[in-house]
C-alpha atoms as a PDB file:
ATOM      1  CA  UNK A   1      11.387  66.993  45.312  1.00  0.00           C
ATOM      2  CA  UNK A   2      14.294  65.808  47.315  1.00  0.00           C
ATOM      3  CA  UNK A   3      17.711  67.360  47.237  1.00  0.00           C
ATOM      4  CA  UNK A   4      19.294  64.765  44.901  1.00  0.00           C
ATOM      5  CA  UNK A   5      16.544  65.153  42.321  1.00  0.00           C
ATOM      6  CA  UNK A   6      16.789  68.940  42.387  1.00  0.00           C
ATOM      7  CA  UNK A   7      20.550  68.727  41.886  1.00  0.00           C
ATOM      8  CA  UNK A   8      20.047  66.437  38.910  1.00  0.00           C
ATOM      9  CA  UNK A   9      17.379  68.539  37.219  1.00  0.00           C
ATOM     10  CA  UNK A  10      19.169  71.803  37.826  1.00  0.00           C
ATOM     11  CA  UNK A  11      22.525  70.623  36.482  1.00  0.00           C
ATOM     12  CA  UNK A  12      22.998  71.876  32.845  1.00  0.00           C
ATOM     13  CA  UNK A  13      25.104  68.841  31.852  1.00  0.00           C
ATOM     14  CA  UNK A  14      22.351  66.390  32.751  1.00  0.00           C
ATOM     15  CA  UNK A  15      19.711  68.448  30.999  1.00  0.00           C
ATOM     16  CA  UNK A  16      21.650  68.559  27.734  1.00  0.00           C
ATOM     17  CA  UNK A  17      22.243  64.828  27.635  1.00  0.00           C
ATOM     18  CA  UNK A  18      18.699  63.902  26.586  1.00  0.00           C
ATOM     19  CA  UNK A  19      18.954  66.456  23.756  1.00  0.00           C
ATOM     20  CA  UNK A  20      22.088  64.723  22.470  1.00  0.00           C
ATOM     21  CA  UNK A  21      20.400  61.353  22.718  1.00  0.00           C
ATOM     22  CA  UNK A  22      17.416  62.529  20.791  1.00  0.00           C
ATOM     23  CA  UNK A  23      19.751  63.890  18.101  1.00  0.00           C
ATOM     24  CA  UNK A  24      21.397  60.482  17.878  1.00  0.00           C
ATOM     25  CA  UNK A  25      18.066  58.726  17.667  1.00  0.00           C
ATOM     26  CA  UNK A  26      16.941  61.170  14.992  1.00  0.00           C
ATOM     27  CA  UNK A  27      20.027  60.286  12.946  1.00  0.00           C
ATOM     28  CA  UNK A  28      19.413  56.588  13.554  1.00  0.00           C
ATOM     29  CA  UNK A  29      15.792  56.972  12.509  1.00  0.00           C
ATOM     30  CA  UNK A  30      16.841  58.816   9.373  1.00  0.00           C
ATOM     31  CA  UNK A  31      19.100  55.889   8.404  1.00  0.00           C
ATOM     32  CA  UNK A  32      16.492  53.201   8.962  1.00  0.00           C
ATOM     33  CA  UNK A  33      13.819  52.526   6.391  1.00  0.00           C
ATOM     34  CA  UNK A  34      10.116  52.845   7.174  1.00  0.00           C
ATOM     35  CA  UNK A  35       8.145  49.811   8.269  1.00  0.00           C
ATOM     36  CA  UNK A  36       5.977  49.763   5.150  1.00  0.00           C
ATOM     37  CA  UNK A  37       9.097  49.437   3.003  1.00  0.00           C
ATOM     38  CA  UNK A  38      10.247  46.341   4.875  1.00  0.00           C
ATOM     39  CA  UNK A  39       6.739  44.902   4.620  1.00  0.00           C
ATOM     40  CA  UNK A  40       6.722  45.597   0.867  1.00  0.00           C
ATOM     41  CA  UNK A  41      10.122  43.904   0.403  1.00  0.00           C
ATOM     42  CA  UNK A  42       9.084  40.827   2.389  1.00  0.00           C
ATOM     43  CA  UNK A  43       5.770  40.654   0.523  1.00  0.00           C
ATOM     44  CA  UNK A  44       7.517  40.963  -2.851  1.00  0.00           C
ATOM     45  CA  UNK A  45       9.995  38.217  -1.959  1.00  0.00           C
ATOM     46  CA  UNK A  46       7.160  35.947  -0.798  1.00  0.00           C
ATOM     47  CA  UNK A  47       5.234  36.631  -4.000  1.00  0.00           C
ATOM     48  CA  UNK A  48       8.291  35.844  -6.143  1.00  0.00           C
ATOM     49  CA  UNK A  49       8.879  32.602  -4.250  1.00  0.00           C
ATOM     50  CA  UNK A  50       5.264  31.542  -4.720  1.00  0.00           C
ATOM     51  CA  UNK A  51       5.402  32.433  -8.422  1.00  0.00           C
ATOM     52  CA  UNK A  52       8.601  30.411  -8.905  1.00  0.00           C
ATOM     53  CA  UNK A  53       7.086  27.370  -7.203  1.00  0.00           C
ATOM     54  CA  UNK A  54       3.852  27.665  -9.194  1.00  0.00           C
ATOM     55  CA  UNK A  55       5.716  28.178 -12.478  1.00  0.00           C
ATOM     56  CA  UNK A  56       7.789  25.058 -11.852  1.00  0.00           C
ATOM     57  CA  UNK A  57       4.691  23.035 -10.957  1.00  0.00           C
ATOM     58  CA  UNK A  58       2.877  24.335 -14.058  1.00  0.00           C
ATOM     59  CA  UNK A  59       5.777  23.430 -16.359  1.00  0.00           C
ATOM     60  CA  UNK A  60       6.021  19.941 -14.847  1.00  0.00           C
ATOM     61  CA  UNK A  61       2.269  19.479 -15.219  1.00  0.00           C
ATOM     62  CA  UNK A  62       2.438  20.595 -18.863  1.00  0.00           C
ATOM     63  CA  UNK A  63       5.201  18.076 -19.545  1.00  0.00           C
ATOM     64  CA  UNK A  64       3.180  15.327 -17.847  1.00  0.00           C
ATOM     65  CA  UNK A  65       0.076  16.196 -19.896  1.00  0.00           C
ATOM     66  CA  UNK A  66       2.105  16.094 -23.119  1.00  0.00           C
ATOM     67  CA  UNK A  67       3.627  12.734 -22.185  1.00  0.00           C
ATOM     68  CA  UNK A  68       0.165  11.408 -21.279  1.00  0.00           C
ATOM     69  CA  UNK A  69      -1.180  12.432 -24.704  1.00  0.00           C
ATOM     70  CA  UNK A  70       1.759  10.740 -26.473  1.00  0.00           C
ATOM     71  CA  UNK A  71       1.297   7.553 -24.482  1.00  0.00           C
ATOM     72  CA  UNK A  72      -2.472   7.559 -25.099  1.00  0.00           C
ATOM     73  CA  UNK A  73      -1.841   7.861 -28.845  1.00  0.00           C
ATOM     74  CA  UNK A  74       0.670   4.986 -28.686  1.00  0.00           C
ATOM     75  CA  UNK A  75      -1.794   2.830 -26.735  1.00  0.00           C
ATOM     76  CA  UNK A  76      -4.502   3.562 -29.301  1.00  0.00           C
ATOM     77  CA  UNK A  77      -2.201   2.621 -32.198  1.00  0.00           C
ATOM     78  CA  UNK A  78      -1.102  -0.596 -30.500  1.00  0.00           C
ATOM     79  CA  UNK A  79      -4.722  -1.478 -29.716  1.00  0.00           C
ATOM     80  CA  UNK A  80      -5.673  -1.048 -33.380  1.00  0.00           C
ATOM     81  CA  UNK A  81      -2.694  -3.166 -34.446  1.00  0.00           C
ATOM     82  CA  UNK A  82      -3.632  -5.830 -31.888  1.00  0.00           C
ATOM     83  CA  UNK A  83      -7.226  -5.954 -33.172  1.00  0.00           C
ATOM     84  CA  UNK A  84      -5.920  -6.344 -36.740  1.00  0.00           C
ATOM     85  CA  UNK A  85      -3.641  -9.200 -35.722  1.00  0.00           C
ATOM     86  CA  UNK A  86      -6.445 -10.907 -33.807  1.00  0.00           C
ATOM     87  CA  UNK A  87      -8.661 -10.685 -36.905  1.00  0.00           C
ATOM     88  CA  UNK A  88      -5.882 -12.192 -39.036  1.00  0.00           C
ATOM     89  CA  UNK A  89      -5.341 -15.043 -36.555  1.00  0.00           C
ATOM     90  CA  UNK A  90      -9.070 -15.760 -36.501  1.00  0.00           C
ATOM     91  CA  UNK A  91      -9.255 -15.836 -40.306  1.00  0.00           C
ATOM     92  CA  UNK A  92      -6.199 -18.120 -40.497  1.00  0.00           C
ATOM     93  CA  UNK A  93      -7.834 -20.518 -38.043  1.00  0.00           C
ATOM     94  CA  UNK A  94     -11.237 -20.602 -39.752  1.00  0.00           C
ATOM     95  CA  UNK A  95     -10.915 -19.663 -43.465  1.00  0.00           C
ATOM     96  CA  UNK A  96      -9.248 -22.248 -45.750  1.00  0.00           C
ATOM     97  CA  UNK A  97      -8.791 -19.727 -48.604  1.00  0.00           C
ATOM     98  CA  UNK A  98      -6.769 -17.456 -46.314  1.00  0.00           C
ATOM     99  CA  UNK A  99      -4.543 -20.372 -45.306  1.00  0.00           C
ATOM    100  CA  UNK A 100      -3.988 -21.294 -48.971  1.00  0.00           C
ATOM    101  CA  UNK A 101      -3.208 -17.686 -49.938  1.00  0.00           C
ATOM    102  CA  UNK A 102      -0.635 -17.377 -47.154  1.00  0.00           C
ATOM    103  CA  UNK A 103       0.911 -20.745 -48.094  1.00  0.00           C
ATOM    104  CA  UNK A 104       1.345 -19.615 -51.712  1.00  0.00           C
ATOM    105  CA  UNK A 105       3.047 -16.403 -50.514  1.00  0.00           C
ATOM    106  CA  UNK A 106       5.836 -18.466 -48.942  1.00  0.00           C
ATOM    107  CA  UNK A 107       6.207 -20.743 -52.018  1.00  0.00           C
ATOM    108  CA  UNK A 108       4.117 -23.782 -51.093  1.00  0.00           C
ATOM    109  CA  UNK A 109       1.796 -25.572 -53.534  1.00  0.00           C
ATOM    110  CA  UNK A 110      -0.574 -28.554 -53.656  1.00  0.00           C
ATOM    111  CA  UNK A 111       0.933 -32.007 -54.339  1.00  0.00           C
ATOM    112  CA  UNK A 112      -0.312 -32.392 -57.974  1.00  0.00           C
ATOM    113  CA  UNK A 113       0.050 -28.723 -58.935  1.00  0.00           C
ATOM    114  CA  UNK A 114       2.727 -27.283 -61.236  1.00  0.00           C
ATOM    115  CA  UNK A 115       4.244 -24.007 -60.131  1.00  0.00           C
ATOM    116  CA  UNK A 116       5.501 -21.534 -62.720  1.00  0.00           C
ATOM    117  CA  UNK A 117       8.692 -19.870 -61.611  1.00  0.00           C
ATOM    118  CA  UNK A 118       9.634 -16.657 -63.431  1.00  0.00           C
ATOM    119  CA  UNK A 119      13.197 -16.638 -64.811  1.00  0.00           C
ATOM    120  CA  UNK A 120      14.992 -13.335 -65.078  1.00  0.00           C
END
């Protein structure tokens, strides 16, 4: 080795410096958490985020399914009512007895017919 290197390696102050640095790094390493812990924390946070998103999507889907069932029931009821009204319209257009019955309900009568009116 050259003279400068020998002076450096033989000097007790320069030899002790790396020992002090390693003591500082040992303290710094003691304060830091292990890598697996950071991985576990990040994984747990990612899992919680995914669960929150999926829970929200599931609740919205459940609400949509419930609304779809309600609307399907309403459509079915209105379809049945529409079929009933179409049947009534058809019978009013074709059946004379149905027309006469409906006319009597609203107080109409034939020209030569006497109508009995109840008196209370």
